[in-house]
Protein backbone atom coordinates (compact mmCIF):
# COMPACT_ATOMS: atom_id res chain seq x y z
CA MET A 1 19.99 -8.63 -9.96
CA MET A 2 19.73 -12.03 -9.50
CA ASN A 3 23.15 -13.93 -9.85
CA ASN A 4 22.52 -16.27 -13.09
CA THR A 5 23.88 -19.31 -11.85
CA TRP A 6 21.39 -18.93 -8.85
CA LYS A 7 18.51 -18.58 -11.10
CA SER A 8 19.05 -21.74 -13.15
CA GLN A 9 19.85 -23.49 -9.95
CA CYS A 10 16.40 -22.50 -8.72
CA LYS A 11 14.34 -22.88 -12.20
CA TYR A 12 11.94 -25.50 -11.81
CA PRO A 13 9.05 -26.39 -14.14
CA ALA A 14 5.32 -26.75 -13.30
CA GLY A 15 4.36 -30.02 -11.73
CA THR A 16 8.20 -30.23 -9.78
CA VAL A 17 7.07 -31.77 -6.54
CA ILE A 18 8.98 -30.49 -3.27
CA ILE A 19 9.21 -32.28 -0.14
CA GLY A 20 10.52 -30.96 3.01
CA LYS A 21 13.47 -32.67 4.59
CA TRP A 22 12.68 -32.09 8.09
CA ASN A 23 8.83 -30.85 8.10
CA ARG A 24 7.72 -33.30 5.08
CA HIS A 25 5.21 -30.93 3.68
CA ARG A 26 4.72 -31.53 -0.09
CA TYR A 27 4.41 -28.89 -2.80
CA GLU A 28 3.95 -29.21 -6.41
CA ILE A 29 4.97 -26.25 -8.43
CA VAL A 30 2.07 -24.54 -10.37
CA ARG A 31 3.94 -21.77 -11.69
CA MET A 32 6.62 -19.26 -11.03
CA LEU A 33 5.59 -15.72 -9.60
CA GLY A 34 8.68 -13.75 -9.92
CA SER A 35 12.83 -13.99 -8.96
CA GLY A 36 14.55 -11.74 -6.92
CA ALA A 37 18.30 -10.92 -5.84
CA ASN A 38 18.66 -14.37 -3.90
CA GLY A 39 16.00 -16.85 -5.20
CA VAL A 40 12.50 -17.75 -6.96
CA VAL A 41 9.17 -17.47 -5.62
CA TYR A 42 6.72 -20.33 -7.16
CA LEU A 43 3.19 -20.91 -6.80
CA ALA A 44 2.31 -24.31 -5.53
CA GLU A 45 -0.66 -26.36 -4.30
CA SER A 46 0.10 -27.79 -0.52
CA SER A 47 -1.75 -29.01 2.63
CA PHE A 48 -2.35 -25.16 3.17
CA GLY A 49 -4.14 -24.81 -0.19
CA LEU A 50 -2.35 -22.43 -2.29
CA THR A 51 0.86 -20.83 -1.11
CA ALA A 52 4.10 -18.92 -1.97
CA ILE A 53 7.27 -20.68 -1.81
CA LYS A 54 10.54 -19.37 -2.36
CA ILE A 55 13.59 -21.26 -2.58
CA SER A 56 17.41 -20.32 -2.78
CA ILE A 57 20.76 -21.80 -2.06
CA ASP A 58 21.76 -18.95 -0.06
CA SER A 59 20.33 -20.06 3.68
CA VAL A 60 21.99 -17.13 5.06
CA SER A 61 18.79 -14.79 2.89
CA ILE A 62 16.20 -17.05 3.68
CA ILE A 63 16.71 -16.79 7.16
CA SER A 64 17.01 -13.60 7.09
CA GLU A 65 13.48 -13.01 5.17
CA VAL A 66 12.06 -15.58 7.67
CA ASN A 67 13.12 -13.41 10.62
CA VAL A 68 11.52 -10.31 9.01
CA LEU A 69 8.08 -11.68 8.77
CA LYS A 70 8.17 -13.29 11.97
CA ALA A 71 8.82 -9.56 12.83
CA LEU A 72 5.94 -8.12 10.15
CA GLU A 73 3.26 -10.85 12.32
CA LYS A 74 4.44 -9.44 15.31
CA VAL A 75 3.49 -5.45 14.28
CA GLN A 76 0.18 -5.02 16.01
CA GLY A 77 -2.73 -4.49 13.88
CA SER A 78 -0.68 -5.76 10.90
CA SER A 79 -0.44 -7.74 7.98
CA LEU A 80 1.49 -5.92 5.87
CA GLY A 81 3.70 -9.31 5.08
CA PRO A 82 2.28 -12.57 4.25
CA SER A 83 1.77 -14.92 6.91
CA LEU A 84 4.56 -17.43 7.14
CA TYR A 85 3.41 -21.06 7.25
CA ASP A 86 6.96 -23.37 6.56
CA VAL A 87 10.46 -23.23 6.86
CA ASP A 88 12.34 -26.35 5.73
CA ASP A 89 15.25 -27.99 3.46
CA TRP A 90 14.84 -29.81 0.00
CA GLU A 91 17.16 -32.54 -0.53
CA ASN A 92 17.17 -32.29 -4.52
CA GLY A 93 20.05 -34.88 -5.55
CA LYS A 94 23.00 -33.31 -4.77
CA ARG A 95 21.90 -30.25 -3.84
CA ARG A 96 20.18 -28.55 -0.63
CA ILE A 97 17.70 -26.12 -1.32
CA HIS A 98 16.54 -23.98 1.41
CA PHE A 99 12.97 -22.43 1.30
CA TYR A 100 10.31 -20.99 3.08
CA VAL A 101 6.51 -20.95 2.64
CA MET A 102 4.19 -18.28 3.00
CA GLU A 103 0.41 -17.09 2.09
CA TYR A 104 -0.44 -16.62 -1.53
CA ILE A 105 -1.80 -12.93 -1.93
CA LYS A 106 -4.36 -12.64 -4.21
CA GLY A 107 -4.61 -8.58 -5.73
CA LYS A 108 -3.51 -6.29 -7.80
CA GLU A 109 -0.43 -4.16 -8.20
CA LEU A 110 -0.67 -1.05 -6.54
CA LEU A 111 0.04 1.18 -9.83
CA HIS A 112 -2.60 -1.07 -11.60
CA PHE A 113 -4.83 -0.64 -8.51
CA VAL A 114 -4.61 3.22 -8.61
CA ARG A 115 -5.15 3.45 -12.16
CA GLU A 116 -8.35 1.67 -12.34
CA LYS A 117 -9.95 2.79 -9.16
CA GLY A 118 -8.38 6.53 -9.79
CA ILE A 119 -5.85 8.57 -8.29
CA SER A 120 -7.32 9.70 -5.20
CA TRP A 121 -6.91 6.48 -3.61
CA ALA A 122 -3.05 6.91 -3.88
CA GLY A 123 -2.98 8.99 -0.54
CA ILE A 124 -5.05 6.38 1.00
CA MET A 125 -3.01 3.50 0.25
CA MET A 126 0.01 5.82 1.38
CA ILE A 127 -1.77 6.02 4.78
CA GLN A 128 -2.27 2.57 5.17
CA LEU A 129 1.49 1.74 4.37
CA LEU A 130 2.72 4.55 6.78
CA ASP A 131 0.88 3.02 9.41
CA VAL A 132 2.42 0.10 8.91
CA LEU A 133 6.20 1.15 8.22
CA GLU A 134 6.02 2.97 11.74
CA GLY A 135 5.25 -0.35 13.47
CA LEU A 136 8.14 -2.17 11.46
CA HIS A 137 10.73 0.56 12.39
CA GLN A 138 9.15 0.46 15.91
CA LYS A 139 10.65 -3.59 15.92
CA GLY A 140 13.73 -2.14 14.61
CA TRP A 141 13.50 -3.03 10.96
CA VAL A 142 13.61 -1.05 7.79
CA PHE A 143 11.66 -2.22 4.70
CA GLY A 144 14.38 -0.92 2.10
CA ASP A 145 13.23 -2.02 -1.10
CA LEU A 146 10.10 -0.17 -1.00
CA LYS A 147 7.98 -0.18 -4.97
CA PRO A 148 4.42 -0.48 -6.24
CA GLU A 149 5.71 -4.01 -7.74
CA ASN A 150 6.20 -5.16 -4.38
CA LEU A 151 2.84 -3.68 -2.85
CA ILE A 152 -0.46 -5.56 -3.76
CA VAL A 153 -4.08 -4.23 -2.74
CA GLU A 154 -6.29 -6.85 -2.19
CA GLY A 155 -9.70 -7.71 -0.86
CA PRO A 156 -13.40 -6.12 -1.29
CA THR A 157 -11.95 -3.34 1.24
CA PRO A 158 -8.96 -2.42 -0.45
CA LYS A 159 -5.77 -3.43 1.61
CA ILE A 160 -2.28 -2.90 0.93
CA ARG A 161 0.03 -5.92 1.50
CA CYS A 162 3.80 -6.40 1.00
CA ILE A 163 4.80 -9.43 -1.45
CA ASP A 164 8.53 -9.21 -1.34
CA VAL A 165 10.34 -8.56 1.82
CA GLY A 166 13.53 -9.51 0.72
CA GLY A 167 14.92 -6.12 1.06
CA THR A 168 13.91 -5.67 4.70
CA THR A 169 17.11 -4.49 6.93
CA MET A 170 17.97 -4.14 10.39
CA ARG A 171 18.10 -0.83 11.22
CA GLY A 172 21.59 0.47 11.34
CA ARG A 173 22.81 -1.65 8.88
CA ALA A 174 23.51 -0.88 4.96
CA ILE A 175 20.49 -1.62 2.97
CA LYS A 176 20.65 -5.35 1.38
CA GLU A 177 18.11 -4.35 -2.01
CA PHE A 178 17.01 -1.29 -3.62
CA THR A 179 15.61 0.01 -6.86
CA GLU A 180 17.22 3.06 -8.12
CA PHE A 181 14.07 5.24 -8.76
CA PHE A 182 13.11 4.82 -4.89
CA ASP A 183 16.44 5.21 -3.53
CA ARG A 184 17.68 8.25 -2.01
CA GLY A 185 21.27 7.22 -2.41
CA TYR A 186 20.44 7.07 -6.76
CA TRP A 187 19.21 10.99 -6.21
CA GLY A 188 22.20 11.90 -3.97
CA LEU A 189 19.81 12.85 -1.03
CA GLY A 190 20.89 10.62 1.95
CA SER A 191 22.95 7.59 2.65
CA ARG A 192 21.62 3.80 2.37
CA LYS A 193 21.67 3.79 5.87
CA ALA A 194 18.54 1.39 7.02
CA GLU A 195 16.95 3.96 9.17
CA PRO A 196 13.07 5.36 9.15
CA SER A 197 13.93 8.11 6.99
CA TYR A 198 15.17 5.79 3.92
CA ASP A 199 11.43 4.44 3.80
CA LEU A 200 9.90 7.47 4.13
CA PHE A 201 11.71 8.78 0.83
CA SER A 202 10.87 5.78 -0.63
CA THR A 203 7.06 6.14 0.31
CA ALA A 204 7.36 9.74 -1.09
CA MET A 205 8.69 8.86 -4.70
CA MET A 206 6.21 5.74 -4.76
CA MET A 207 3.10 9.00 -4.74
CA ILE A 208 5.31 10.67 -7.30
CA ASN A 209 5.33 7.08 -9.20
CA LEU A 210 1.29 6.78 -8.77
CA HIS A 211 0.57 10.04 -10.47
CA TYR A 212 3.97 9.58 -12.89
CA PRO A 213 3.56 5.64 -14.07
CA LYS A 214 6.26 6.21 -16.51
CA ARG A 215 9.35 6.50 -14.05
CA PHE A 216 11.92 9.35 -15.27
CA VAL A 217 15.60 9.47 -14.71
CA LYS A 218 17.99 11.71 -12.41
CA SER A 219 18.76 14.89 -14.18
CA GLY A 220 20.69 17.71 -13.09
CA ASN A 221 19.88 18.80 -9.47
CA SER A 222 17.66 16.57 -7.73
CA VAL A 223 15.53 19.00 -5.58
CA LYS A 224 15.14 21.48 -8.56
CA GLN A 225 13.92 18.21 -10.87
CA LEU A 226 11.70 16.75 -8.11
CA THR A 227 10.38 20.26 -7.12
CA ILE A 228 9.24 20.91 -11.29
CA ILE A 229 7.64 17.37 -11.24
CA ILE A 230 5.52 17.61 -8.11
CA GLN A 231 4.45 21.28 -9.02
CA GLY A 232 3.87 20.10 -12.99
CA ASN A 233 0.85 18.15 -11.42
CA LYS A 234 -2.39 19.57 -10.00
CA GLU A 235 -3.30 16.63 -7.67
CA LEU A 236 0.20 15.85 -7.01
CA LEU A 237 0.71 19.61 -5.66
CA LYS A 238 -1.54 19.18 -2.83
CA PHE A 239 1.10 17.27 -1.34
CA ASP A 240 3.74 19.23 -2.36
CA THR A 241 5.19 20.28 1.45
CA ILE A 242 4.97 16.87 2.65
CA LEU A 243 6.38 15.30 -0.41
CA MET A 244 9.73 17.32 0.30
CA LYS A 245 9.83 17.08 3.70
CA ALA A 246 10.10 13.48 3.15
CA LEU A 247 12.68 13.83 0.38
CA LEU A 248 14.61 15.66 2.02
CA GLY A 249 14.65 13.52 5.47
CA LYS A 250 12.88 16.09 7.33
CA TYR A 251 10.63 13.44 9.07
CA ASP A 252 11.57 11.50 11.99
CA SER A 253 8.81 9.15 12.08
CA ALA A 254 6.22 7.54 9.69
CA LYS A 255 3.30 8.07 12.26
CA GLU A 256 4.38 12.11 11.73
CA MET A 257 4.22 11.85 8.21
CA LYS A 258 1.09 10.09 8.20
CA LYS A 259 -0.68 12.78 10.53
CA GLU A 260 0.36 15.19 8.19
CA LEU A 261 -1.08 13.80 5.29
CA LEU A 262 -4.16 13.06 7.07
CA ILE A 263 -4.70 16.66 7.65
CA ILE A 264 -4.13 17.30 3.82
CA LEU A 265 -6.84 14.49 2.90
CA SER A 266 -9.45 15.35 5.43
CA ALA A 267 -8.98 19.03 3.90
CA GLY A 268 -9.36 18.00 0.58
CA GLU A 269 -12.49 16.11 1.80
CA ARG A 270 -13.76 18.59 3.48
CA SER A 271 -13.33 20.72 0.50
CA LYS A 272 -15.36 18.65 -1.69
CA GLN A 273 -18.10 18.49 0.67
CA GLN A 274 -18.37 22.48 0.53
CA ARG A 275 -18.29 22.15 -3.27
CA THR A 276 -21.26 19.57 -2.99
CA THR A 277 -23.34 21.67 -0.86
CA ARG A 278 -22.88 24.76 -2.60
CA TYR A 279 -24.02 23.55 -5.73
CA ALA A 280 -26.75 21.62 -4.61
CA PRO A 281 -30.51 22.58 -5.87
CA LYS A 282 -31.73 25.00 -2.91
CA PRO A 283 -35.28 24.74 -1.63
CA LYS A 284 -37.54 27.02 -3.32
CA LYS A 285 -38.81 28.88 -0.10
CA LYS A 286 -41.65 30.99 -2.06
CA LYS A 287 -43.61 27.88 -3.27
CA MET A 288 -43.08 26.42 0.18
CA ARG A 289 -44.12 29.07 1.90
CA ALA A 290 -47.43 29.35 -0.49
CA PHE A 291 -47.93 26.17 -0.12
CA LEU A 292 -48.47 26.27 3.75
CA GLU A 293 -50.80 29.00 3.54
CA THR A 294 -53.26 27.73 1.34
CA VAL A 295 -53.17 24.64 3.16
CA SER A 296 -53.48 26.59 6.68
CA ILE A 297 -56.57 28.66 4.45
CA LEU A 298 -57.96 25.26 3.80
CA LEU A 299 -57.99 24.08 7.34
CA ILE A 300 -59.63 27.37 8.68
CA THR A 301 -62.60 27.53 6.50
CA MET A 302 -63.44 23.40 7.03
CA ILE A 303 -63.44 24.20 10.67
CA LEU A 304 -65.29 27.22 10.13
CA TYR A 305 -67.41 25.36 7.93
CA THR A 306 -68.35 22.73 10.47
CA LEU A 307 -69.07 25.20 13.32
CA TYR A 308 -71.50 26.79 11.09
CA ILE A 309 -73.21 23.31 10.05
CA TYR A 310 -74.12 22.15 13.89
CA GLY A 311 -75.30 25.94 14.92
CA TYR A 312 -71.87 27.35 16.20
CA ILE A 313 -71.65 30.14 14.28
CA LEU A 314 -75.13 32.24 13.61
């Protein structure tokens, strides 16, 4: 949770104007978007248009998050994180506030999106997420605080985006931020070391959360509890093997998990097509054959009649 002192020092009303000390860009606060462990994010109007601006009195955390955003931009084909526009300081009276400005991502939180569009979208969104996680891991980072609240689905062509990179940690270090339900340490199924398997555990828990929107607490044996929960949902049961492998740290990479998830989704789509074909109305072959025979007889009759009229048939 954020330190209350930090939160009060970073709290500003709508209409507050922030002017960067070094780059001199001007930002006018519209409203608060959210707060985290080390800062507050506001919606602001600027020369860049509507932007999200994160402010904090902790320069180290700001620099760390800026480095993460830059790393995300280098992941080929990735736009998981918001684009970075500006990094600066703001002299506010006797205090210096540190901030960075990023793209304001419009869309719906992942849980709300799946609830509206249907649970079949859960697997598709996880495929997108795993694809980007693979690139992030290869760049030496682990996302850490993966949860639906940190993910937005934008655009007419649904695309998953991240709105908070505060928990992203360099591989090998201790995870900086986490949410218990998605943390393997809480479930007693691994350490909080920043490694790909940590993110894959969280991905599996997100898949469970999308099918069980009301999160539950740990009770007794974690493996037994999670197994019962997975097997208790018909849609989730399709991904039983993949989810358990991720929960138990059996995957070496997001790419490997994505590959197996694609196989399950493809098999499900083929099965759906086969069911559609099986129950589709079958053409009435007998009626069609009778129709063709009638047409043939009429044609032959017309030809013979024509030949008779012109004297070819006596």
